[in-house]
């Protein structure tokens, strides 16, 4: 079988410069451990864990075997008014790691549908407790929460929003992002900027806190380029939400399952939300799956508002908690425990961040920031926004290091199974690739 399809024309690729790609395609043909191979036979190191979703490495036999075994026994069961034991076992194991009493787990398909589900659960909760007037959601500039209508509405990346402005949710207000001019080359949390949380208090005053349903933030803004929260910022959001009866949602689709050094970023930063979304690493990216964890009180309120025998929440998906996704996720849970993954990421983080920050001598780099096992490297503007990041990404790809770039930011998020030699290889190839880009 040819490694290049007969035609590249029919597939409309997502978040891709289609015309540019089809002139010079980048096709991945194999993946094993921390390495990828492209259609030209070149081996590359995966420096962004796929799309942050393969932190346990590619080709894990444990997951492959679990999915295969599940397919042989039970390939699908409809998730409405019936189920199978595995989804209940997985919910119990997820709840062992979620913060506080966020012990009620609703399965979705991916991160976007997890955020959509969180929005609906919040509305259902407020209606169930007689506060149906709460319809407003507070998001944040530069946020990414997915691409469904609700997720796009609360997101704050302008290119994702502007084309679809006419169909977005009403009543959404955005706080300013926390990336300030003095946050240059800071490793870990900035010490300034906690006062940006007061935007939420100001919005409460301007729109009436009694009308606000929820505030949703990524603990660390991921897809926009690793914006680490200032010290005290998330704690202040929690205080304002408590004061006004607002639900606090943490979108941990990227930060969940060890990326920040703890199971969830909420634990790493010591702030417990009311609702938490997860996806990506939940199945190590092998099968699409997302989930929403909610506080027991929220679940109980929605349950108690409906008579026994009635459907309490009219929401769900054909692929909510299907057997093969559950099998993959259970295998992932086994690996988390067997290999003590969260401890491993916390111990590897200082070495990784030291390596990333060693690149700051390169003239083409405007800023570096990072926390845990994720970092953002901003390239200096070239002609127009996004050009430098895209060209640098392609130069690094040619050098043998693959990652996610957004705008002019290179987002580096190594796999948790990386050893120091792999981190060294990523840093060395980044240096070469960025230097080659600058020479052009």
Protein backbone atom coordinates (compact mmCIF):
# COMPACT_ATOMS: atom_id res chain seq x y z
CA UNK A 1 0.00 0.00 0.00
CA UNK A 2 1.36 3.42 -0.97
CA UNK A 3 2.27 5.72 1.89
CA UNK A 4 0.87 8.65 -0.07
CA UNK A 5 -2.85 8.44 -0.95
CA UNK A 6 -3.86 8.64 -4.61
CA UNK A 7 -5.58 11.95 -3.87
CA UNK A 8 -5.31 14.50 -1.07
CA UNK A 9 -8.14 16.63 -2.42
CA UNK A 10 -11.28 15.10 -0.92
CA UNK A 11 -10.31 15.36 2.77
CA UNK A 12 -11.06 18.81 4.24
CA UNK A 13 -8.58 18.89 7.10
CA UNK A 14 -9.35 20.52 10.48
CA UNK A 15 -7.39 23.52 11.79
CA UNK A 16 -5.06 23.17 8.80
CA UNK A 17 -3.77 25.35 6.01
CA UNK A 18 -5.18 22.87 3.49
CA UNK A 19 -3.61 24.36 0.36
CA UNK A 20 -0.19 24.64 1.98
CA UNK A 21 -0.37 21.09 3.36
CA UNK A 22 -1.42 19.50 0.09
CA UNK A 23 1.51 21.12 -1.72
CA UNK A 24 3.95 19.52 0.73
CA UNK A 25 2.16 16.95 2.93
CA UNK A 26 3.29 15.81 6.35
CA UNK A 27 1.91 12.28 6.70
CA UNK A 28 2.60 10.18 9.79
CA UNK A 29 2.82 6.45 9.08
CA UNK A 30 4.04 4.86 12.32
CA UNK A 31 4.27 5.65 16.02
CA UNK A 32 6.05 3.81 18.82
CA UNK A 33 6.98 5.06 22.27
CA UNK A 34 8.12 8.68 21.97
CA UNK A 35 8.85 8.46 18.24
CA UNK A 36 6.91 8.99 15.01
CA UNK A 37 7.79 8.07 11.43
CA UNK A 38 6.58 10.03 8.42
CA UNK A 39 5.85 8.97 4.84
CA UNK A 40 9.39 9.88 3.82
CA UNK A 41 10.74 7.33 6.30
CA UNK A 42 12.07 9.99 8.67
CA UNK A 43 11.94 9.37 12.43
CA UNK A 44 10.84 12.27 14.64
CA UNK A 45 10.46 12.69 18.36
CA UNK A 46 6.95 13.56 19.55
CA UNK A 47 7.32 16.73 21.63
CA UNK A 48 3.62 17.44 22.18
CA UNK A 49 2.26 14.00 23.12
CA UNK A 50 0.26 13.91 19.91
CA UNK A 51 -2.23 16.66 20.65
CA UNK A 52 -1.52 16.43 24.42
CA UNK A 53 -3.37 13.10 24.37
CA UNK A 54 -0.66 10.39 24.19
CA UNK A 55 1.40 11.04 27.34
CA UNK A 56 1.95 7.33 28.03
CA UNK A 57 3.65 6.84 24.67
CA UNK A 58 2.46 5.41 21.38
CA UNK A 59 1.64 1.76 20.79
CA UNK A 60 1.04 0.70 24.41
CA UNK A 61 0.35 -3.03 24.22
CA UNK A 62 -1.68 -2.94 27.45
CA UNK A 63 -4.21 -0.60 25.87
CA UNK A 64 -4.25 -2.42 22.52
CA UNK A 65 -4.87 -5.74 24.26
CA UNK A 66 -7.62 -4.31 26.48
CA UNK A 67 -9.46 -2.79 23.51
CA UNK A 68 -9.08 -5.98 21.43
CA UNK A 69 -10.39 -8.15 24.26
CA UNK A 70 -13.33 -5.83 24.80
CA UNK A 71 -14.25 -5.84 21.09
CA UNK A 72 -14.27 -9.63 21.10
CA UNK A 73 -16.63 -9.74 24.10
CA UNK A 74 -18.90 -6.68 23.74
CA UNK A 75 -18.43 -4.09 21.02
CA UNK A 76 -21.31 -1.71 21.77
CA UNK A 77 -24.17 -1.21 24.17
CA UNK A 78 -26.60 1.68 23.96
CA UNK A 79 -25.95 4.06 26.87
CA UNK A 80 -29.58 5.17 27.38
CA UNK A 81 -31.57 3.22 30.01
CA UNK A 82 -29.02 0.40 29.99
CA UNK A 83 -25.29 -0.04 30.40
CA UNK A 84 -22.45 -2.42 31.23
CA UNK A 85 -20.26 -2.90 34.26
CA UNK A 86 -17.09 -1.37 32.89
CA UNK A 87 -18.38 2.20 32.77
CA UNK A 88 -19.31 2.05 36.46
CA UNK A 89 -15.91 0.64 37.39
CA UNK A 90 -14.16 3.38 35.40
CA UNK A 91 -16.26 6.11 37.05
CA UNK A 92 -15.22 4.80 40.45
CA UNK A 93 -11.55 4.80 39.47
CA UNK A 94 -11.73 8.31 37.99
CA UNK A 95 -13.42 9.55 41.17
CA UNK A 96 -10.45 8.23 43.20
CA UNK A 97 -8.32 10.94 41.55
CA UNK A 98 -10.70 13.90 41.16
CA UNK A 99 -10.44 16.67 43.77
CA UNK A 100 -12.85 17.12 46.67
CA UNK A 101 -16.16 15.35 46.20
CA UNK A 102 -16.33 15.67 42.42
CA UNK A 103 -17.38 12.04 42.41
CA UNK A 104 -20.18 11.93 39.84
CA UNK A 105 -18.89 11.20 36.34
CA UNK A 106 -20.76 11.87 33.07
CA UNK A 107 -19.17 10.42 29.92
CA UNK A 108 -18.84 12.34 26.66
CA UNK A 109 -17.02 11.86 23.36
CA UNK A 110 -14.17 14.38 23.65
CA UNK A 111 -13.16 17.66 25.25
CA UNK A 112 -15.55 19.81 23.24
CA UNK A 113 -18.54 17.67 24.19
CA UNK A 114 -17.34 17.58 27.80
CA UNK A 115 -17.48 21.39 27.95
CA UNK A 116 -20.87 21.37 26.22
CA UNK A 117 -22.08 18.88 28.81
CA UNK A 118 -20.70 20.96 31.69
CA UNK A 119 -22.63 23.99 30.40
CA UNK A 120 -25.87 22.00 30.26
CA UNK A 121 -25.36 20.46 33.70
CA UNK A 122 -24.84 23.92 35.20
CA UNK A 123 -28.06 25.23 33.64
CA UNK A 124 -29.98 22.15 34.79
CA UNK A 125 -28.59 22.55 38.32
CA UNK A 126 -29.61 26.19 38.64
CA UNK A 127 -33.10 25.46 37.30
CA UNK A 128 -33.46 22.53 39.69
CA UNK A 129 -32.77 24.82 42.64
CA UNK A 130 -35.13 27.54 41.48
CA UNK A 131 -32.56 29.91 39.98
CA UNK A 132 -33.40 29.51 36.32
CA UNK A 133 -32.64 33.19 35.68
CA UNK A 134 -28.93 32.37 35.78
CA UNK A 135 -28.07 32.15 32.08
CA UNK A 136 -24.80 34.05 31.69
CA UNK A 137 -21.44 32.33 31.41
CA UNK A 138 -18.11 34.02 32.04
CA UNK A 139 -15.19 32.86 29.92
CA UNK A 140 -11.76 34.32 29.36
CA UNK A 141 -9.84 35.90 26.50
CA UNK A 142 -7.37 33.54 24.77
CA UNK A 143 -9.24 30.54 26.18
CA UNK A 144 -9.83 27.37 24.22
CA UNK A 145 -12.68 25.08 25.29
CA UNK A 146 -13.47 23.22 22.08
CA UNK A 147 -15.42 23.81 18.90
CA UNK A 148 -19.08 23.02 19.61
CA UNK A 149 -21.36 26.08 19.82
CA UNK A 150 -21.31 26.35 23.61
CA UNK A 151 -17.60 25.60 23.84
CA UNK A 152 -16.82 28.14 21.11
CA UNK A 153 -18.99 30.74 22.83
CA UNK A 154 -17.16 30.58 26.15
CA UNK A 155 -13.78 30.34 24.39
CA UNK A 156 -11.76 33.44 23.68
CA UNK A 157 -9.46 32.78 20.71
CA UNK A 158 -10.63 35.32 18.17
CA UNK A 159 -10.02 33.31 14.99
CA UNK A 160 -12.16 30.49 16.39
CA UNK A 161 -15.00 32.88 17.20
CA UNK A 162 -15.34 35.66 14.63
CA UNK A 163 -16.66 33.65 11.67
CA UNK A 164 -19.37 32.06 13.82
CA UNK A 165 -20.44 35.09 15.85
CA UNK A 166 -24.01 34.93 14.52
CA UNK A 167 -24.71 31.49 15.99
CA UNK A 168 -22.99 31.72 19.38
CA UNK A 169 -24.68 31.49 22.78
CA UNK A 170 -26.14 34.74 24.12
CA UNK A 171 -25.09 36.15 27.46
CA UNK A 172 -21.41 35.17 27.44
CA UNK A 173 -18.94 37.69 28.89
CA UNK A 174 -15.16 37.39 28.89
CA UNK A 175 -12.56 38.26 31.50
CA UNK A 176 -9.14 39.46 30.38
CA UNK A 177 -6.41 36.86 30.08
CA UNK A 178 -3.62 36.77 32.66
CA UNK A 179 -0.60 37.05 30.36
CA UNK A 180 0.86 40.43 31.30
CA UNK A 181 3.76 42.38 29.71
CA UNK A 182 6.02 41.72 32.71
CA UNK A 183 5.53 37.94 32.42
CA UNK A 184 8.70 37.39 30.40
CA UNK A 185 10.77 34.22 30.75
CA UNK A 186 9.06 33.17 33.99
CA UNK A 187 9.41 29.55 35.03
CA UNK A 188 6.32 28.46 36.96
CA UNK A 189 3.66 30.84 38.29
CA UNK A 190 4.09 34.60 37.88
CA UNK A 191 4.01 36.56 41.13
CA UNK A 192 2.06 39.44 39.58
CA UNK A 193 -1.39 39.46 38.02
CA UNK A 194 -3.65 37.88 40.63
CA UNK A 195 -5.74 41.06 40.52
CA UNK A 196 -6.94 40.03 37.04
CA UNK A 197 -9.42 37.80 38.86
CA UNK A 198 -11.26 40.96 39.91
CA UNK A 199 -12.63 41.05 36.37
CA UNK A 200 -15.15 38.48 37.58
CA UNK A 201 -16.24 40.74 40.42
CA UNK A 202 -16.62 43.63 37.98
CA UNK A 203 -18.74 41.48 35.65
CA UNK A 204 -20.92 40.52 38.63
CA UNK A 205 -21.50 44.22 39.32
CA UNK A 206 -22.18 45.12 35.69
CA UNK A 207 -24.48 42.23 34.77
CA UNK A 208 -25.88 41.18 38.15
CA UNK A 209 -24.31 38.18 39.84
CA UNK A 210 -27.78 36.65 40.21
CA UNK A 211 -27.81 36.19 36.42
CA UNK A 212 -24.44 34.43 36.18
CA UNK A 213 -24.51 30.63 35.98
CA UNK A 214 -20.83 29.77 35.83
CA UNK A 215 -17.27 30.90 35.27
CA UNK A 216 -15.15 28.58 33.13
CA UNK A 217 -11.35 28.69 32.88
CA UNK A 218 -8.48 26.41 32.01
CA UNK A 219 -6.23 26.32 35.11
CA UNK A 220 -3.36 26.69 32.64
CA UNK A 221 -4.54 27.97 29.26
CA UNK A 222 -3.21 25.32 26.91
CA UNK A 223 -3.92 25.66 23.21
CA UNK A 224 -3.28 29.40 23.24
CA UNK A 225 0.30 28.79 24.39
CA UNK A 226 0.66 27.65 28.03
CA UNK A 227 -0.51 30.69 30.03
CA UNK A 228 0.32 29.82 33.64
CA UNK A 229 -1.97 31.42 36.27
CA UNK A 230 -0.48 34.05 38.56
CA UNK A 231 -0.12 33.03 42.20
CA UNK A 232 -3.43 33.57 43.99
CA UNK A 233 -5.45 34.06 40.79
CA UNK A 234 -7.40 30.79 40.82
CA UNK A 235 -7.99 31.07 44.57
CA UNK A 236 -9.51 34.51 44.09
CA UNK A 237 -11.82 33.22 41.33
CA UNK A 238 -12.98 30.53 43.76
CA UNK A 239 -13.72 33.15 46.44
CA UNK A 240 -15.73 35.35 44.06
CA UNK A 241 -17.74 32.38 42.79
CA UNK A 242 -18.53 31.30 46.35
CA UNK A 243 -19.59 34.84 47.27
CA UNK A 244 -22.09 35.07 44.40
CA UNK A 245 -23.32 31.47 44.08
CA UNK A 246 -21.56 31.01 40.73
CA UNK A 247 -20.42 27.56 39.60
CA UNK A 248 -16.68 27.35 38.92
CA UNK A 249 -15.76 25.07 36.01
CA UNK A 250 -12.17 23.99 35.40
CA UNK A 251 -11.50 22.79 31.87
CA UNK A 252 -8.78 20.20 32.43
CA UNK A 253 -8.94 18.54 29.03
CA UNK A 254 -5.23 19.33 28.59
CA UNK A 255 -4.04 19.78 32.18
CA UNK A 256 -5.78 16.68 33.54
CA UNK A 257 -4.11 13.33 34.25
CA UNK A 258 -0.65 14.49 35.26
CA UNK A 259 0.35 17.25 32.84
CA UNK A 260 0.93 19.74 35.68
CA UNK A 261 2.55 17.22 38.04
CA UNK A 262 -0.56 16.23 40.01
CA UNK A 263 -3.49 14.14 38.83
CA UNK A 264 -5.34 17.38 38.07
CA UNK A 265 -4.18 21.00 37.98
CA UNK A 266 -6.81 21.86 40.58
CA UNK A 267 -4.85 19.77 43.08
CA UNK A 268 -1.54 21.20 41.91
CA UNK A 269 -2.77 24.77 42.53
CA UNK A 270 -4.88 23.93 45.59
CA UNK A 271 -8.22 25.16 44.23
CA UNK A 272 -11.23 22.85 43.88
CA UNK A 273 -13.83 23.67 41.21
CA UNK A 274 -17.48 22.59 41.23
CA UNK A 275 -17.28 20.97 37.79
CA UNK A 276 -14.23 19.58 35.98
CA UNK A 277 -13.87 18.44 32.37
CA UNK A 278 -11.35 15.90 31.11
CA UNK A 279 -10.57 14.07 27.84
CA UNK A 280 -7.34 13.52 25.82
CA UNK A 281 -5.10 11.51 28.20
CA UNK A 282 -8.14 9.67 29.63
CA UNK A 283 -7.63 6.96 26.98
CA UNK A 284 -4.08 7.96 25.97
CA UNK A 285 -5.68 9.23 22.75
CA UNK A 286 -6.43 5.71 21.51
CA UNK A 287 -10.23 6.03 21.49
CA UNK A 288 -12.17 9.33 21.67
CA UNK A 289 -13.53 9.92 25.17
CA UNK A 290 -14.31 12.79 27.49
CA UNK A 291 -15.86 13.05 30.92
CA UNK A 292 -17.32 15.63 33.29
CA UNK A 293 -16.82 15.28 37.03
CA UNK A 294 -19.29 17.17 39.24
CA UNK A 295 -19.73 17.69 42.95
CA UNK A 296 -22.13 15.30 44.61
CA UNK A 297 -24.40 18.19 45.64
CA UNK A 298 -24.89 19.22 42.01
CA UNK A 299 -25.79 15.67 41.01
CA UNK A 300 -28.14 15.26 43.99
CA UNK A 301 -29.91 18.54 43.24
CA UNK A 302 -30.61 17.54 39.64
CA UNK A 303 -31.73 14.06 40.73
CA UNK A 304 -34.05 15.32 43.45
CA UNK A 305 -35.80 17.78 41.12
CA UNK A 306 -37.32 14.94 39.05
CA UNK A 307 -39.81 12.27 40.13
CA UNK A 308 -38.53 8.71 40.42
CA UNK A 309 -38.67 6.91 37.08
CA UNK A 310 -38.26 10.08 35.03
CA UNK A 311 -35.16 11.02 33.03
CA UNK A 312 -33.41 13.63 35.18
CA UNK A 313 -31.09 15.12 32.54
CA UNK A 314 -32.12 15.12 28.90
CA UNK A 315 -28.62 14.97 27.52
CA UNK A 316 -26.15 12.38 26.28
CA UNK A 317 -24.36 10.93 23.27
CA UNK A 318 -24.51 7.74 21.21
CA UNK A 319 -20.92 7.10 22.24
CA UNK A 320 -21.15 8.05 25.93
CA UNK A 321 -19.01 5.55 27.81
CA UNK A 322 -18.99 2.88 25.10
CA UNK A 323 -17.16 -0.39 25.88
CA UNK A 324 -13.97 0.12 23.84
CA UNK A 325 -13.42 3.65 25.19
CA UNK A 326 -13.95 2.37 28.72
CA UNK A 327 -11.57 -0.54 28.13
CA UNK A 328 -8.85 1.84 26.93
CA UNK A 329 -9.43 4.18 29.88
CA UNK A 330 -9.29 1.34 32.40
CA UNK A 331 -5.99 0.18 30.90
CA UNK A 332 -4.72 3.75 31.22
CA UNK A 333 -5.73 3.82 34.89
CA UNK A 334 -3.72 0.63 35.41
CA UNK A 335 -0.65 2.25 33.83
CA UNK A 336 -1.05 5.41 35.93
CA UNK A 337 -0.91 3.29 39.07
CA UNK A 338 1.65 0.68 38.00
CA UNK A 339 4.17 3.25 36.73
CA UNK A 340 3.39 5.95 39.34
CA UNK A 341 2.96 8.37 36.44
CA UNK A 342 2.01 11.50 38.39
CA UNK A 343 5.12 11.21 40.58
CA UNK A 344 7.19 10.66 37.46
CA UNK A 345 5.92 13.84 35.79
CA UNK A 346 6.51 15.93 38.91
CA UNK A 347 10.08 14.67 39.15
CA UNK A 348 10.82 15.16 35.42
CA UNK A 349 9.31 18.66 35.22
CA UNK A 350 12.33 20.64 36.57
CA UNK A 351 14.66 18.95 34.09
CA UNK A 352 12.28 19.62 31.21
CA UNK A 353 11.74 23.28 32.16
CA UNK A 354 15.48 23.87 32.63
CA UNK A 355 15.99 22.49 29.13
CA UNK A 356 13.28 24.67 27.56
CA UNK A 357 14.55 27.81 29.26
CA UNK A 358 18.07 27.08 28.01
CA UNK A 359 16.78 28.18 24.59
CA UNK A 360 16.25 31.79 25.68
CA UNK A 361 19.57 32.86 24.17
CA UNK A 362 18.15 32.33 20.66
CA UNK A 363 17.47 35.76 19.12
CA UNK A 364 14.25 34.68 17.40
CA UNK A 365 12.54 33.80 20.70
CA UNK A 366 10.42 36.49 22.32
CA UNK A 367 9.34 34.65 25.48
CA UNK A 368 9.30 31.27 27.24
CA UNK A 369 6.99 30.10 30.03
CA UNK A 370 6.04 26.75 31.47
CA UNK A 371 4.73 24.61 34.30
CA UNK A 372 4.83 20.88 34.87
CA UNK A 373 5.40 19.10 31.58
CA UNK A 374 4.16 21.86 29.29
CA UNK A 375 5.80 25.02 27.97
CA UNK A 376 5.14 27.79 25.47
CA UNK A 377 7.87 29.31 23.32
CA UNK A 378 6.84 32.58 21.62
CA UNK A 379 8.58 33.43 18.37
CA UNK A 380 9.12 37.07 17.45
CA UNK A 381 6.53 38.50 15.08
CA UNK A 382 7.32 38.13 11.38
CA UNK A 383 5.27 40.16 8.86
CA UNK A 384 1.92 39.09 10.29
CA UNK A 385 0.72 37.09 13.33
CA UNK A 386 1.11 33.35 12.95
CA UNK A 387 3.69 33.39 10.17
CA UNK A 388 6.72 32.93 12.44
CA UNK A 389 5.12 30.11 14.42
CA UNK A 390 4.03 28.19 11.34
CA UNK A 391 7.35 28.54 9.52
CA UNK A 392 9.28 27.61 12.66
CA UNK A 393 7.05 24.56 13.17
CA UNK A 394 7.85 23.38 9.63
CA UNK A 395 11.59 23.97 10.13
CA UNK A 396 11.52 21.94 13.35
CA UNK A 397 9.52 19.17 11.65
CA UNK A 398 12.30 18.91 9.06
CA UNK A 399 14.82 18.74 11.90
CA UNK A 400 13.03 15.78 13.47
CA UNK A 401 10.90 17.22 16.30
CA UNK A 402 7.12 17.36 16.06
CA UNK A 403 4.82 19.52 18.22
CA UNK A 404 1.73 21.75 18.28
CA UNK A 405 2.04 25.39 17.22
CA UNK A 406 -0.66 28.02 17.79
CA UNK A 407 -0.14 31.42 16.22
CA UNK A 408 3.46 32.35 16.95
CA UNK A 409 3.76 30.02 19.94
CA UNK A 410 5.42 26.62 19.91
CA UNK A 411 3.70 24.45 22.54
CA UNK A 412 5.97 21.75 23.92
CA UNK A 413 4.38 19.00 26.01
CA UNK A 414 6.55 15.86 26.15
CA UNK A 415 5.23 12.42 26.95
CA UNK A 416 5.36 11.37 30.58
CA UNK A 417 7.40 8.27 29.72
CA UNK A 418 10.27 10.47 28.48
CA UNK A 419 13.67 9.86 30.00
CA UNK A 420 16.24 12.63 30.34
CA UNK A 421 17.86 11.58 27.08
CA UNK A 422 14.54 12.17 25.29
CA UNK A 423 14.17 15.61 26.85
CA UNK A 424 17.73 16.37 25.72
CA UNK A 425 16.87 15.26 22.19
CA UNK A 426 13.77 17.48 22.10
CA UNK A 427 15.73 20.52 23.29
CA UNK A 428 18.64 19.87 20.91
CA UNK A 429 16.35 19.49 17.89
CA UNK A 430 14.32 22.54 18.89
CA UNK A 431 17.53 24.57 19.00
CA UNK A 432 18.56 23.29 15.58
CA UNK A 433 15.12 23.76 14.07
CA UNK A 434 14.64 27.29 15.43
CA UNK A 435 18.17 28.22 14.30
CA UNK A 436 17.44 26.89 10.80
CA UNK A 437 14.22 28.91 10.68
CA UNK A 438 16.07 32.06 11.69
CA UNK A 439 18.67 31.53 8.95
CA UNK A 440 15.88 31.53 6.35
